[in-house]
Amino acid sequence: MRRLEASDYRAVFNHSRPWHGVTLSIWVRSATNAGRRAGVVVSKKNFRRAVDRNRAKRLMREAFRLNRGNIVADVDLIISARRNMAGKSCAEVSRDFEKTCRRAGIWQEQSG
């Protein structure tokens, strides 16, 4: 997974709007220097225990990794966990990630 640099988070948050799914929210920034990179955010407010925050991060990173080829080029994403992610499987989070990306207009079907 290509990750966002710490300095890029503010640019993505400032120049985009959130798209909300059931288990996650994404912020999308289109730019010429972007390159299908993602950053993940999990708040202590939604997930009190560190083990739950880490699981949420793993699920979001895996959803991005599995679907990275279907995301249009030249975008950076920030993926944020929502409270509903607790207890969900990787497949459920991945499906929600795809639906949210489709709504945001950054999904493209792979050819071949």
PDB file of N, CA and C in Angstrom:
ATOM      1  N   MET A   1       0.842  -1.181   0.000  1.00  0.00           N
ATOM      2  CA  MET A   1       0.000   0.000   0.000  1.00  0.00           C
ATOM      3  C   MET A   1       0.879   1.233   0.000  1.00  0.00           C
ATOM      4  N   ARG A   2       0.629   2.131  -0.911  1.00  0.00           N
ATOM      5  CA  ARG A   2       1.338   3.409  -0.901  1.00  0.00           C
ATOM      6  C   ARG A   2       0.615   4.320   0.061  1.00  0.00           C
ATOM      7  N   ARG A   3       1.343   4.793   1.049  1.00  0.00           N
ATOM      8  CA  ARG A   3       0.737   5.607   2.105  1.00  0.00           C
ATOM      9  C   ARG A   3       0.992   7.082   1.882  1.00  0.00           C
ATOM     10  N   LEU A   4       0.076   7.872   2.386  1.00  0.00           N
ATOM     11  CA  LEU A   4       0.238   9.322   2.360  1.00  0.00           C
ATOM     12  C   LEU A   4       1.319   9.730   3.352  1.00  0.00           C
ATOM     13  N   GLU A   5       2.057  10.745   3.006  1.00  0.00           N
ATOM     14  CA  GLU A   5       3.005  11.342   3.943  1.00  0.00           C
ATOM     15  C   GLU A   5       2.210  12.171   4.943  1.00  0.00           C
ATOM     16  N   ALA A   6       2.767  12.377   6.110  1.00  0.00           N
ATOM     17  CA  ALA A   6       2.080  13.136   7.155  1.00  0.00           C
ATOM     18  C   ALA A   6       1.695  14.535   6.673  1.00  0.00           C
ATOM     19  N   SER A   7       2.537  15.150   5.866  1.00  0.00           N
ATOM     20  CA  SER A   7       2.258  16.503   5.389  1.00  0.00           C
ATOM     21  C   SER A   7       1.118  16.543   4.369  1.00  0.00           C
ATOM     22  N   ASP A   8       0.768  15.406   3.766  1.00  0.00           N
ATOM     23  CA  ASP A   8      -0.293  15.376   2.758  1.00  0.00           C
ATOM     24  C   ASP A   8      -1.691  15.261   3.353  1.00  0.00           C
ATOM     25  N   TYR A   9      -1.800  14.853   4.612  1.00  0.00           N
ATOM     26  CA  TYR A   9      -3.117  14.686   5.225  1.00  0.00           C
ATOM     27  C   TYR A   9      -3.897  15.993   5.212  1.00  0.00           C
ATOM     28  N   ARG A  10      -3.262  17.083   5.622  1.00  0.00           N
ATOM     29  CA  ARG A  10      -3.952  18.367   5.687  1.00  0.00           C
ATOM     30  C   ARG A  10      -4.438  18.794   4.300  1.00  0.00           C
ATOM     31  N   ALA A  11      -3.630  18.582   3.277  1.00  0.00           N
ATOM     32  CA  ALA A  11      -4.038  18.959   1.924  1.00  0.00           C
ATOM     33  C   ALA A  11      -5.268  18.173   1.485  1.00  0.00           C
ATOM     34  N   VAL A  12      -5.310  16.900   1.798  1.00  0.00           N
ATOM     35  CA  VAL A  12      -6.472  16.089   1.413  1.00  0.00           C
ATOM     36  C   VAL A  12      -7.707  16.549   2.183  1.00  0.00           C
ATOM     37  N   PHE A  13      -7.582  16.746   3.489  1.00  0.00           N
ATOM     38  CA  PHE A  13      -8.730  17.195   4.277  1.00  0.00           C
ATOM     39  C   PHE A  13      -9.229  18.564   3.824  1.00  0.00           C
ATOM     40  N   ASN A  14      -8.314  19.476   3.499  1.00  0.00           N
ATOM     41  CA  ASN A  14      -8.709  20.836   3.138  1.00  0.00           C
ATOM     42  C   ASN A  14      -9.300  20.954   1.741  1.00  0.00           C
ATOM     43  N   HIS A  15      -8.939  20.070   0.818  1.00  0.00           N
ATOM     44  CA  HIS A  15      -9.349  20.217  -0.574  1.00  0.00           C
ATOM     45  C   HIS A  15     -10.289  19.106  -1.033  1.00  0.00           C
ATOM     46  N   SER A  16     -11.094  18.600  -0.130  1.00  0.00           N
ATOM     47  CA  SER A  16     -12.036  17.557  -0.512  1.00  0.00           C
ATOM     48  C   SER A  16     -13.225  17.572   0.434  1.00  0.00           C
ATOM     49  N   ARG A  17     -14.189  16.750   0.111  1.00  0.00           N
ATOM     50  CA  ARG A  17     -15.338  16.601   0.999  1.00  0.00           C
ATOM     51  C   ARG A  17     -15.483  15.118   1.306  1.00  0.00           C
ATOM     52  N   PRO A  18     -16.098  14.788   2.428  1.00  0.00           N
ATOM     53  CA  PRO A  18     -16.209  13.369   2.791  1.00  0.00           C
ATOM     54  C   PRO A  18     -17.334  12.657   2.040  1.00  0.00           C
ATOM     55  N   TRP A  19     -17.106  11.402   1.777  1.00  0.00           N
ATOM     56  CA  TRP A  19     -18.113  10.494   1.232  1.00  0.00           C
ATOM     57  C   TRP A  19     -18.292   9.417   2.288  1.00  0.00           C
ATOM     58  N   HIS A  20     -19.514   9.245   2.779  1.00  0.00           N
ATOM     59  CA  HIS A  20     -19.755   8.346   3.897  1.00  0.00           C
ATOM     60  C   HIS A  20     -20.352   7.030   3.430  1.00  0.00           C
ATOM     61  N   GLY A  21     -19.790   5.950   3.953  1.00  0.00           N
ATOM     62  CA  GLY A  21     -20.357   4.632   3.776  1.00  0.00           C
ATOM     63  C   GLY A  21     -20.894   4.154   5.110  1.00  0.00           C
ATOM     64  N   VAL A  22     -21.235   2.894   5.195  1.00  0.00           N
ATOM     65  CA  VAL A  22     -21.755   2.334   6.438  1.00  0.00           C
ATOM     66  C   VAL A  22     -20.639   2.166   7.457  1.00  0.00           C
ATOM     67  N   THR A  23     -19.487   1.643   7.010  1.00  0.00           N
ATOM     68  CA  THR A  23     -18.399   1.346   7.937  1.00  0.00           C
ATOM     69  C   THR A  23     -17.240   2.321   7.867  1.00  0.00           C
ATOM     70  N   LEU A  24     -17.192   3.150   6.821  1.00  0.00           N
ATOM     71  CA  LEU A  24     -16.055   4.056   6.659  1.00  0.00           C
ATOM     72  C   LEU A  24     -16.451   5.304   5.914  1.00  0.00           C
ATOM     73  N   SER A  25     -15.598   6.302   5.999  1.00  0.00           N
ATOM     74  CA  SER A  25     -15.750   7.540   5.236  1.00  0.00           C
ATOM     75  C   SER A  25     -14.456   7.763   4.474  1.00  0.00           C
ATOM     76  N   ILE A  26     -14.556   8.357   3.292  1.00  0.00           N
ATOM     77  CA  ILE A  26     -13.343   8.653   2.536  1.00  0.00           C
ATOM     78  C   ILE A  26     -13.346  10.120   2.113  1.00  0.00           C
ATOM     79  N   TRP A  27     -12.173  10.689   2.110  1.00  0.00           N
ATOM     80  CA  TRP A  27     -11.925  12.022   1.567  1.00  0.00           C
ATOM     81  C   TRP A  27     -11.057  11.802   0.349  1.00  0.00           C
ATOM     82  N   VAL A  28     -11.411  12.426  -0.768  1.00  0.00           N
ATOM     83  CA  VAL A  28     -10.720  12.210  -2.037  1.00  0.00           C
ATOM     84  C   VAL A  28     -10.178  13.532  -2.543  1.00  0.00           C
ATOM     85  N   ARG A  29      -8.901  13.539  -2.892  1.00  0.00           N
ATOM     86  CA  ARG A  29      -8.297  14.724  -3.503  1.00  0.00           C
ATOM     87  C   ARG A  29      -7.689  14.329  -4.833  1.00  0.00           C
ATOM     88  N   SER A  30      -8.111  14.991  -5.885  1.00  0.00           N
ATOM     89  CA  SER A  30      -7.527  14.766  -7.202  1.00  0.00           C
ATOM     90  C   SER A  30      -6.440  15.801  -7.432  1.00  0.00           C
ATOM     91  N   ALA A  31      -5.285  15.343  -7.870  1.00  0.00           N
ATOM     92  CA  ALA A  31      -4.175  16.250  -8.162  1.00  0.00           C
ATOM     93  C   ALA A  31      -3.229  15.559  -9.130  1.00  0.00           C
ATOM     94  N   THR A  32      -2.454  16.350  -9.829  1.00  0.00           N
ATOM     95  CA  THR A  32      -1.523  15.772 -10.796  1.00  0.00           C
ATOM     96  C   THR A  32      -0.389  15.021 -10.111  1.00  0.00           C
ATOM     97  N   ASN A  33      -0.036  15.417  -8.892  1.00  0.00           N
ATOM     98  CA  ASN A  33       1.051  14.734  -8.182  1.00  0.00           C
ATOM     99  C   ASN A  33       0.546  13.617  -7.282  1.00  0.00           C
ATOM    100  N   ALA A  34      -0.769  13.361  -7.295  1.00  0.00           N
ATOM    101  CA  ALA A  34      -1.329  12.264  -6.495  1.00  0.00           C
ATOM    102  C   ALA A  34      -1.064  10.951  -7.215  1.00  0.00           C
ATOM    103  N   GLY A  35      -1.111   9.883  -6.479  1.00  0.00           N
ATOM    104  CA  GLY A  35      -0.814   8.613  -7.121  1.00  0.00           C
ATOM    105  C   GLY A  35      -1.438   7.418  -6.434  1.00  0.00           C
ATOM    106  N   ARG A  36      -2.758   7.430  -6.263  1.00  0.00           N
ATOM    107  CA  ARG A  36      -3.461   6.323  -5.609  1.00  0.00           C
ATOM    108  C   ARG A  36      -2.835   5.970  -4.271  1.00  0.00           C
ATOM    109  N   ARG A  37      -2.643   6.995  -3.460  1.00  0.00           N
ATOM    110  CA  ARG A  37      -2.111   6.776  -2.111  1.00  0.00           C
ATOM    111  C   ARG A  37      -3.251   6.885  -1.121  1.00  0.00           C
ATOM    112  N   ALA A  38      -3.078   6.227   0.021  1.00  0.00           N
ATOM    113  CA  ALA A  38      -4.129   6.265   1.044  1.00  0.00           C
ATOM    114  C   ALA A  38      -3.521   6.444   2.414  1.00  0.00           C
ATOM    115  N   GLY A  39      -4.280   7.090   3.258  1.00  0.00           N
ATOM    116  CA  GLY A  39      -3.959   7.211   4.670  1.00  0.00           C
ATOM    117  C   GLY A  39      -5.178   6.765   5.457  1.00  0.00           C
ATOM    118  N   VAL A  40      -4.964   6.228   6.631  1.00  0.00           N
ATOM    119  CA  VAL A  40      -6.084   5.762   7.444  1.00  0.00           C
ATOM    120  C   VAL A  40      -6.130   6.526   8.757  1.00  0.00           C
ATOM    121  N   VAL A  41      -7.359   6.754   9.236  1.00  0.00           N
ATOM    122  CA  VAL A  41      -7.581   7.496  10.469  1.00  0.00           C
ATOM    123  C   VAL A  41      -8.628   6.747  11.292  1.00  0.00           C
ATOM    124  N   VAL A  42      -8.315   6.553  12.570  1.00  0.00           N
ATOM    125  CA  VAL A  42      -9.259   5.927  13.493  1.00  0.00           C
ATOM    126  C   VAL A  42      -9.235   6.733  14.781  1.00  0.00           C
ATOM    127  N   SER A  43     -10.405   7.174  15.228  1.00  0.00           N
ATOM    128  CA  SER A  43     -10.447   8.017  16.415  1.00  0.00           C
ATOM    129  C   SER A  43     -10.651   7.194  17.680  1.00  0.00           C
ATOM    130  N   LYS A  44     -10.108   7.711  18.773  1.00  0.00           N
ATOM    131  CA  LYS A  44     -10.315   7.083  20.074  1.00  0.00           C
ATOM    132  C   LYS A  44     -11.759   7.216  20.526  1.00  0.00           C
ATOM    133  N   LYS A  45     -12.441   8.212  20.016  1.00  0.00           N
ATOM    134  CA  LYS A  45     -13.840   8.411  20.376  1.00  0.00           C
ATOM    135  C   LYS A  45     -14.684   7.219  19.919  1.00  0.00           C
ATOM    136  N   ASN A  46     -14.413   6.707  18.712  1.00  0.00           N
ATOM    137  CA  ASN A  46     -15.185   5.598  18.169  1.00  0.00           C
ATOM    138  C   ASN A  46     -14.679   4.230  18.618  1.00  0.00           C
ATOM    139  N   PHE A  47     -13.371   4.105  18.831  1.00  0.00           N
ATOM    140  CA  PHE A  47     -12.768   2.835  19.222  1.00  0.00           C
ATOM    141  C   PHE A  47     -11.860   3.090  20.415  1.00  0.00           C
ATOM    142  N   ARG A  48     -12.342   2.777  21.596  1.00  0.00           N
ATOM    143  CA  ARG A  48     -11.610   3.104  22.822  1.00  0.00           C
ATOM    144  C   ARG A  48     -10.332   2.285  22.986  1.00  0.00           C
ATOM    145  N   ARG A  49     -10.408   0.997  22.672  1.00  0.00           N
ATOM    146  CA  ARG A  49      -9.256   0.129  22.901  1.00  0.00           C
ATOM    147  C   ARG A  49      -8.310   0.141  21.709  1.00  0.00           C
ATOM    148  N   ALA A  50      -7.010   0.116  21.991  1.00  0.00           N
ATOM    149  CA  ALA A  50      -6.004   0.150  20.929  1.00  0.00           C
ATOM    150  C   ALA A  50      -6.136  -1.047  20.000  1.00  0.00           C
ATOM    151  N   VAL A  51      -6.488  -2.201  20.541  1.00  0.00           N
ATOM    152  CA  VAL A  51      -6.623  -3.393  19.706  1.00  0.00           C
ATOM    153  C   VAL A  51      -7.750  -3.208  18.683  1.00  0.00           C
ATOM    154  N   ASP A  52      -8.811  -2.528  19.048  1.00  0.00           N
ATOM    155  CA  ASP A  52      -9.913  -2.265  18.122  1.00  0.00           C
ATOM    156  C   ASP A  52      -9.512  -1.244  17.064  1.00  0.00           C
ATOM    157  N   ARG A  53      -8.760  -0.217  17.472  1.00  0.00           N
ATOM    158  CA  ARG A  53      -8.276   0.772  16.496  1.00  0.00           C
ATOM    159  C   ARG A  53      -7.334   0.121  15.498  1.00  0.00           C
ATOM    160  N   ASN A  54      -6.456  -0.734  15.963  1.00  0.00           N
ATOM    161  CA  ASN A  54      -5.505  -1.399  15.067  1.00  0.00           C
ATOM    162  C   ASN A  54      -6.215  -2.339  14.099  1.00  0.00           C
ATOM    163  N   ARG A  55      -7.239  -3.044  14.564  1.00  0.00           N
ATOM    164  CA  ARG A  55      -7.999  -3.922  13.680  1.00  0.00           C
ATOM    165  C   ARG A  55      -8.701  -3.096  12.597  1.00  0.00           C
ATOM    166  N   ALA A  56      -9.274  -1.978  12.987  1.00  0.00           N
ATOM    167  CA  ALA A  56      -9.945  -1.113  12.014  1.00  0.00           C
ATOM    168  C   ALA A  56      -8.952  -0.622  10.956  1.00  0.00           C
ATOM    169  N   LYS A  57      -7.756  -0.253  11.383  1.00  0.00           N
ATOM    170  CA  LYS A  57      -6.728   0.184  10.424  1.00  0.00           C
ATOM    171  C   LYS A  57      -6.355  -0.938   9.466  1.00  0.00           C
ATOM    172  N   ARG A  58      -6.179  -2.144   9.998  1.00  0.00           N
ATOM    173  CA  ARG A  58      -5.832  -3.287   9.137  1.00  0.00           C
ATOM    174  C   ARG A  58      -6.931  -3.555   8.113  1.00  0.00           C
ATOM    175  N   LEU A  59      -8.184  -3.504   8.556  1.00  0.00           N
ATOM    176  CA  LEU A  59      -9.300  -3.749   7.642  1.00  0.00           C
ATOM    177  C   LEU A  59      -9.349  -2.713   6.523  1.00  0.00           C
ATOM    178  N   MET A  60      -9.144  -1.452   6.869  1.00  0.00           N
ATOM    179  CA  MET A  60      -9.194  -0.396   5.849  1.00  0.00           C
ATOM    180  C   MET A  60      -8.015  -0.508   4.881  1.00  0.00           C
ATOM    181  N   ARG A  61      -6.830  -0.789   5.396  1.00  0.00           N
ATOM    182  CA  ARG A  61      -5.665  -0.955   4.517  1.00  0.00           C
ATOM    183  C   ARG A  61      -5.852  -2.129   3.567  1.00  0.00           C
ATOM    184  N   GLU A  62      -6.411  -3.221   4.079  1.00  0.00           N
ATOM    185  CA  GLU A  62      -6.642  -4.393   3.236  1.00  0.00           C
ATOM    186  C   GLU A  62      -7.707  -4.106   2.182  1.00  0.00           C
ATOM    187  N   ALA A  63      -8.771  -3.408   2.539  1.00  0.00           N
ATOM    188  CA  ALA A  63      -9.795  -3.037   1.564  1.00  0.00           C
ATOM    189  C   ALA A  63      -9.191  -2.177   0.462  1.00  0.00           C
ATOM    190  N   PHE A  64      -8.326  -1.244   0.838  1.00  0.00           N
ATOM    191  CA  PHE A  64      -7.662  -0.403  -0.163  1.00  0.00           C
ATOM    192  C   PHE A  64      -6.731  -1.236  -1.035  1.00  0.00           C
ATOM    193  N   ARG A  65      -5.960  -2.122  -0.417  1.00  0.00           N
ATOM    194  CA  ARG A  65      -5.007  -2.943  -1.172  1.00  0.00           C
ATOM    195  C   ARG A  65      -5.725  -3.817  -2.193  1.00  0.00           C
ATOM    196  N   LEU A  66      -6.821  -4.436  -1.792  1.00  0.00           N
ATOM    197  CA  LEU A  66      -7.559  -5.319  -2.689  1.00  0.00           C
ATOM    198  C   LEU A  66      -8.204  -4.572  -3.851  1.00  0.00           C
ATOM    199  N   ASN A  67      -8.564  -3.329  -3.647  1.00  0.00           N
ATOM    200  CA  ASN A  67      -9.304  -2.565  -4.653  1.00  0.00           C
ATOM    201  C   ASN A  67      -8.495  -1.452  -5.296  1.00  0.00           C
ATOM    202  N   ARG A  68      -7.227  -1.358  -5.005  1.00  0.00           N
ATOM    203  CA  ARG A  68      -6.397  -0.246  -5.490  1.00  0.00           C
ATOM    204  C   ARG A  68      -6.398  -0.140  -7.010  1.00  0.00           C
ATOM    205  N   GLY A  69      -6.399  -1.267  -7.694  1.00  0.00           N
ATOM    206  CA  GLY A  69      -6.374  -1.244  -9.159  1.00  0.00           C
ATOM    207  C   GLY A  69      -7.641  -0.683  -9.784  1.00  0.00           C
ATOM    208  N   ASN A  70      -8.727  -0.659  -9.038  1.00  0.00           N
ATOM    209  CA  ASN A  70      -9.996  -0.140  -9.562  1.00  0.00           C
ATOM    210  C   ASN A  70     -10.187   1.344  -9.296  1.00  0.00           C
ATOM    211  N   ILE A  71      -9.294   1.953  -8.571  1.00  0.00           N
ATOM    212  CA  ILE A  71      -9.409   3.380  -8.266  1.00  0.00           C
ATOM    213  C   ILE A  71      -8.700   4.168  -9.358  1.00  0.00           C
ATOM    214  N   VAL A  72      -9.322   5.262  -9.779  1.00  0.00           N
ATOM    215  CA  VAL A  72      -8.726   6.074 -10.840  1.00  0.00           C
ATOM    216  C   VAL A  72      -7.354   6.593 -10.391  1.00  0.00           C
ATOM    217  N   ALA A  73      -6.491   6.814 -11.369  1.00  0.00           N
ATOM    218  CA  ALA A  73      -5.163   7.343 -11.066  1.00  0.00           C
ATOM    219  C   ALA A  73      -5.274   8.809 -10.644  1.00  0.00           C
ATOM    220  N   ASP A  74      -4.231   9.314 -10.066  1.00  0.00           N
ATOM    221  CA  ASP A  74      -4.134  10.723  -9.676  1.00  0.00           C
ATOM    222  C   ASP A  74      -5.130  11.128  -8.593  1.00  0.00           C
ATOM    223  N   VAL A  75      -5.363  10.254  -7.630  1.00  0.00           N
ATOM    224  CA  VAL A  75      -6.151  10.624  -6.459  1.00  0.00           C
ATOM    225  C   VAL A  75      -5.424  10.165  -5.200  1.00  0.00           C
ATOM    226  N   ASP A  76      -5.618  10.925  -4.140  1.00  0.00           N
ATOM    227  CA  ASP A  76      -5.170  10.550  -2.805  1.00  0.00           C
ATOM    228  C   ASP A  76      -6.413  10.404  -1.938  1.00  0.00           C
ATOM    229  N   LEU A  77      -6.399   9.422  -1.051  1.00  0.00           N
ATOM    230  CA  LEU A  77      -7.548   9.150  -0.196  1.00  0.00           C
ATOM    231  C   LEU A  77      -7.155   9.185   1.263  1.00  0.00           C
ATOM    232  N   ILE A  78      -8.084   9.598   2.083  1.00  0.00           N
ATOM    233  CA  ILE A  78      -7.990   9.357   3.518  1.00  0.00           C
ATOM    234  C   ILE A  78      -9.222   8.543   3.870  1.00  0.00           C
ATOM    235  N   ILE A  79      -8.999   7.414   4.509  1.00  0.00           N
ATOM    236  CA  ILE A  79     -10.080   6.514   4.884  1.00  0.00           C
ATOM    237  C   ILE A  79     -10.219   6.574   6.393  1.00  0.00           C
ATOM    238  N   SER A  80     -11.413   6.865   6.852  1.00  0.00           N
ATOM    239  CA  SER A  80     -11.682   7.004   8.275  1.00  0.00           C
ATOM    240  C   SER A  80     -12.695   5.955   8.709  1.00  0.00           C
ATOM    241  N   ALA A  81     -12.415   5.287   9.826  1.00  0.00           N
ATOM    242  CA  ALA A  81     -13.314   4.255  10.331  1.00  0.00           C
ATOM    243  C   ALA A  81     -14.509   4.889  11.030  1.00  0.00           C
ATOM    244  N   ARG A  82     -15.672   4.307  10.793  1.00  0.00           N
ATOM    245  CA  ARG A  82     -16.880   4.717  11.503  1.00  0.00           C
ATOM    246  C   ARG A  82     -17.200   3.666  12.549  1.00  0.00           C
ATOM    247  N   ARG A  83     -17.987   4.051  13.498  1.00  0.00           N
ATOM    248  CA  ARG A  83     -18.321   3.174  14.617  1.00  0.00           C
ATOM    249  C   ARG A  83     -18.906   1.836  14.169  1.00  0.00           C
ATOM    250  N   ASN A  84     -19.617   1.821  13.039  1.00  0.00           N
ATOM    251  CA  ASN A  84     -20.250   0.604  12.539  1.00  0.00           C
ATOM    252  C   ASN A  84     -19.256  -0.447  12.059  1.00  0.00           C
ATOM    253  N   MET A  85     -17.979  -0.112  11.988  1.00  0.00           N
ATOM    254  CA  MET A  85     -16.984  -1.071  11.531  1.00  0.00           C
ATOM    255  C   MET A  85     -16.733  -2.175  12.563  1.00  0.00           C
ATOM    256  N   ALA A  86     -17.045  -1.918  13.798  1.00  0.00           N
ATOM    257  CA  ALA A  86     -16.807  -2.896  14.862  1.00  0.00           C
ATOM    258  C   ALA A  86     -17.522  -4.207  14.547  1.00  0.00           C
ATOM    259  N   GLY A  87     -16.770  -5.293  14.562  1.00  0.00           N
ATOM    260  CA  GLY A  87     -17.333  -6.619  14.340  1.00  0.00           C
ATOM    261  C   GLY A  87     -17.540  -7.003  12.891  1.00  0.00           C
ATOM    262  N   LYS A  88     -17.183  -6.153  11.952  1.00  0.00           N
ATOM    263  CA  LYS A  88     -17.359  -6.462  10.532  1.00  0.00           C
ATOM    264  C   LYS A  88     -16.178  -7.270  10.007  1.00  0.00           C
ATOM    265  N   SER A  89     -16.439  -8.050   8.971  1.00  0.00           N
ATOM    266  CA  SER A  89     -15.386  -8.852   8.347  1.00  0.00           C
ATOM    267  C   SER A  89     -14.672  -8.013   7.284  1.00  0.00           C
ATOM    268  N   CYS A  90     -13.574  -8.535   6.811  1.00  0.00           N
ATOM    269  CA  CYS A  90     -12.804  -7.853   5.775  1.00  0.00           C
ATOM    270  C   CYS A  90     -13.633  -7.723   4.497  1.00  0.00           C
ATOM    271  N   ALA A  91     -14.395  -8.756   4.159  1.00  0.00           N
ATOM    272  CA  ALA A  91     -15.218  -8.722   2.945  1.00  0.00           C
ATOM    273  C   ALA A  91     -16.290  -7.637   3.040  1.00  0.00           C
ATOM    274  N   GLU A  92     -16.898  -7.474   4.203  1.00  0.00           N
ATOM    275  CA  GLU A  92     -17.925  -6.447   4.380  1.00  0.00           C
ATOM    276  C   GLU A  92     -17.335  -5.052   4.246  1.00  0.00           C
ATOM    277  N   VAL A  93     -16.162  -4.841   4.837  1.00  0.00           N
ATOM    278  CA  VAL A  93     -15.505  -3.533   4.748  1.00  0.00           C
ATOM    279  C   VAL A  93     -15.082  -3.261   3.314  1.00  0.00           C
ATOM    280  N   SER A  94     -14.595  -4.284   2.618  1.00  0.00           N
ATOM    281  CA  SER A  94     -14.165  -4.126   1.230  1.00  0.00           C
ATOM    282  C   SER A  94     -15.348  -3.771   0.329  1.00  0.00           C
ATOM    283  N   ARG A  95     -16.495  -4.414   0.533  1.00  0.00           N
ATOM    284  CA  ARG A  95     -17.692  -4.090  -0.257  1.00  0.00           C
ATOM    285  C   ARG A  95     -18.144  -2.652   0.006  1.00  0.00           C
ATOM    286  N   ASP A  96     -18.102  -2.241   1.264  1.00  0.00           N
ATOM    287  CA  ASP A  96     -18.497  -0.876   1.600  1.00  0.00           C
ATOM    288  C   ASP A  96     -17.520   0.135   1.001  1.00  0.00           C
ATOM    289  N   PHE A  97     -16.234  -0.202   0.997  1.00  0.00           N
ATOM    290  CA  PHE A  97     -15.225   0.668   0.380  1.00  0.00           C
ATOM    291  C   PHE A  97     -15.535   0.836  -1.107  1.00  0.00           C
ATOM    292  N   GLU A  98     -15.860  -0.259  -1.792  1.00  0.00           N
ATOM    293  CA  GLU A  98     -16.180  -0.181  -3.215  1.00  0.00           C
ATOM    294  C   GLU A  98     -17.415   0.688  -3.455  1.00  0.00           C
ATOM    295  N   LYS A  99     -18.472   0.477  -2.669  1.00  0.00           N
ATOM    296  CA  LYS A  99     -19.698   1.270  -2.834  1.00  0.00           C
ATOM    297  C   LYS A  99     -19.442   2.752  -2.596  1.00  0.00           C
ATOM    298  N   THR A 100     -18.638   3.062  -1.599  1.00  0.00           N
ATOM    299  CA  THR A 100     -18.337   4.463  -1.298  1.00  0.00           C
ATOM    300  C   THR A 100     -17.498   5.084  -2.411  1.00  0.00           C
ATOM    301  N   CYS A 101     -16.546   4.337  -2.940  1.00  0.00           N
ATOM    302  CA  CYS A 101     -15.733   4.843  -4.059  1.00  0.00           C
ATOM    303  C   CYS A 101     -16.584   5.064  -5.303  1.00  0.00           C
ATOM    304  N   ARG A 102     -17.532   4.185  -5.538  1.00  0.00           N
ATOM    305  CA  ARG A 102     -18.433   4.370  -6.693  1.00  0.00           C
ATOM    306  C   ARG A 102     -19.238   5.660  -6.545  1.00  0.00           C
ATOM    307  N   ARG A 103     -19.761   5.900  -5.341  1.00  0.00           N
ATOM    308  CA  ARG A 103     -20.520   7.128  -5.097  1.00  0.00           C
ATOM    309  C   ARG A 103     -19.649   8.361  -5.265  1.00  0.00           C
ATOM    310  N   ALA A 104     -18.374   8.254  -4.876  1.00  0.00           N
ATOM    311  CA  ALA A 104     -17.462   9.389  -4.990  1.00  0.00           C
ATOM    312  C   ALA A 104     -16.991   9.606  -6.423  1.00  0.00           C
ATOM    313  N   GLY A 105     -17.253   8.657  -7.303  1.00  0.00           N
ATOM    314  CA  GLY A 105     -16.888   8.802  -8.709  1.00  0.00           C
ATOM    315  C   GLY A 105     -15.437   8.493  -9.000  1.00  0.00           C
ATOM    316  N   ILE A 106     -14.795   7.707  -8.157  1.00  0.00           N
ATOM    317  CA  ILE A 106     -13.385   7.389  -8.387  1.00  0.00           C
ATOM    318  C   ILE A 106     -13.180   5.916  -8.714  1.00  0.00           C
ATOM    319  N   TRP A 107     -14.255   5.174  -8.966  1.00  0.00           N
ATOM    320  CA  TRP A 107     -14.168   3.745  -9.238  1.00  0.00           C
ATOM    321  C   TRP A 107     -14.167   3.524 -10.739  1.00  0.00           C
ATOM    322  N   GLN A 108     -13.299   2.652 -11.207  1.00  0.00           N
ATOM    323  CA  GLN A 108     -13.292   2.263 -12.608  1.00  0.00           C
ATOM    324  C   GLN A 108     -13.116   0.752 -12.649  1.00  0.00           C
ATOM    325  N   GLU A 109     -13.849   0.118 -13.520  1.00  0.00           N
ATOM    326  CA  GLU A 109     -13.723  -1.330 -13.672  1.00  0.00           C
ATOM    327  C   GLU A 109     -12.405  -1.646 -14.358  1.00  0.00           C
ATOM    328  N   GLN A 110     -11.743  -2.697 -13.882  1.00  0.00           N
ATOM    329  CA  GLN A 110     -10.504  -3.109 -14.519  1.00  0.00           C
ATOM    330  C   GLN A 110     -10.819  -3.769 -15.835  1.00  0.00           C
ATOM    331  N   SER A 111     -10.032  -3.443 -16.847  1.00  0.00           N
ATOM    332  CA  SER A 111     -10.222  -4.081 -18.143  1.00  0.00           C
ATOM    333  C   SER A 111      -9.363  -5.336 -18.216  1.00  0.00           C
ATOM    334  N   GLY A 112      -9.900  -6.332 -18.824  1.00  0.00           N
ATOM    335  CA  GLY A 112      -9.114  -7.561 -19.014  1.00  0.00           C
ATOM    336  C   GLY A 112      -9.568  -8.595 -18.190  1.00  0.00           C
TER     337      GLY A 112
END
